[in-house]
Amino acid sequence: MLKMLGYYSMIGQLRCLTVIGEYEQALKALHPLNIFDKTFLLTSKITTCHISLYYYAGFCYLMLGR
């Protein structure tokens, strides 16, 4: 339960930082999550959370020009 709550809070922080324009800070907030690891997708079973995570992370990467 606490692991999922922490996961949701990280995604909420990512969303807030993206909306206010702090793209680099938003990506730094995701550093504890290894989003490029293939097993990361299998550990959490909430699909909408993954969609939101990759949408906002992709937007941050796009705005930073990476």
Protein backbone atom coordinates (compact mmCIF):
# COMPACT_ATOMS: atom_id res chain seq x y z
CA MET A 1 0.00 0.00 0.00
CA LEU A 2 2.74 2.49 0.92
CA LYS A 3 4.72 1.61 -2.20
CA MET A 4 1.75 2.48 -4.41
CA LEU A 5 1.07 5.68 -2.48
CA GLY A 6 4.68 6.75 -3.00
CA TYR A 7 4.39 5.90 -6.69
CA TYR A 8 1.25 8.04 -7.04
CA SER A 9 2.86 10.93 -5.18
CA MET A 10 5.87 10.89 -7.52
CA ILE A 11 3.59 11.01 -10.53
CA GLY A 12 1.59 13.83 -8.94
CA GLN A 13 4.80 15.76 -8.36
CA LEU A 14 5.80 15.13 -11.99
CA ARG A 15 2.47 16.49 -13.19
CA CYS A 16 2.66 19.61 -11.02
CA LEU A 17 6.24 20.42 -12.01
CA THR A 18 5.41 19.90 -15.68
CA VAL A 19 2.44 22.26 -15.51
CA ILE A 20 4.48 25.05 -13.94
CA GLY A 21 7.30 24.60 -16.46
CA GLU A 22 10.05 23.05 -14.31
CA TYR A 23 10.89 20.28 -16.76
CA GLU A 24 14.36 19.44 -15.49
CA GLN A 25 13.16 19.27 -11.89
CA ALA A 26 10.28 17.05 -12.99
CA LEU A 27 12.70 14.57 -14.53
CA LYS A 28 14.92 14.71 -11.45
CA ALA A 29 11.88 13.81 -9.35
CA LEU A 30 11.56 10.61 -11.39
CA HIS A 31 15.16 9.57 -10.77
CA PRO A 32 14.30 6.96 -8.08
CA LEU A 33 12.01 5.25 -10.61
CA ASN A 34 13.93 3.53 -13.36
CA ILE A 35 11.39 4.14 -16.12
CA PHE A 36 13.60 2.72 -18.87
CA ASP A 37 13.86 -0.69 -17.20
CA LYS A 38 11.57 -3.31 -18.78
CA THR A 39 10.74 -4.89 -15.41
CA PHE A 40 9.42 -1.54 -14.17
CA LEU A 41 6.28 -2.01 -16.27
CA LEU A 42 5.65 -5.40 -14.71
CA THR A 43 5.99 -4.31 -11.08
CA SER A 44 3.01 -1.98 -11.10
CA LYS A 45 -0.31 -3.08 -12.48
CA ILE A 46 -2.00 0.31 -12.92
CA THR A 47 -2.06 1.10 -16.62
CA THR A 48 -3.43 4.62 -16.41
CA CYS A 49 -0.62 5.55 -14.06
CA HIS A 50 1.95 4.31 -16.58
CA ILE A 51 0.28 6.21 -19.39
CA SER A 52 0.33 9.41 -17.37
CA LEU A 53 3.95 8.84 -16.31
CA TYR A 54 5.24 8.31 -19.84
CA TYR A 55 3.13 11.14 -21.26
CA TYR A 56 4.48 13.75 -18.86
CA ALA A 57 8.03 12.39 -18.95
CA GLY A 58 7.96 12.42 -22.75
CA PHE A 59 6.65 15.98 -22.75
CA CYS A 60 9.46 17.05 -20.41
CA TYR A 61 12.06 15.41 -22.64
CA LEU A 62 10.51 17.11 -25.67
CA MET A 63 10.57 20.54 -24.06
CA LEU A 64 14.19 20.08 -22.98
CA GLY A 65 15.17 19.02 -26.49
CA ARG A 66 16.52 15.62 -25.53
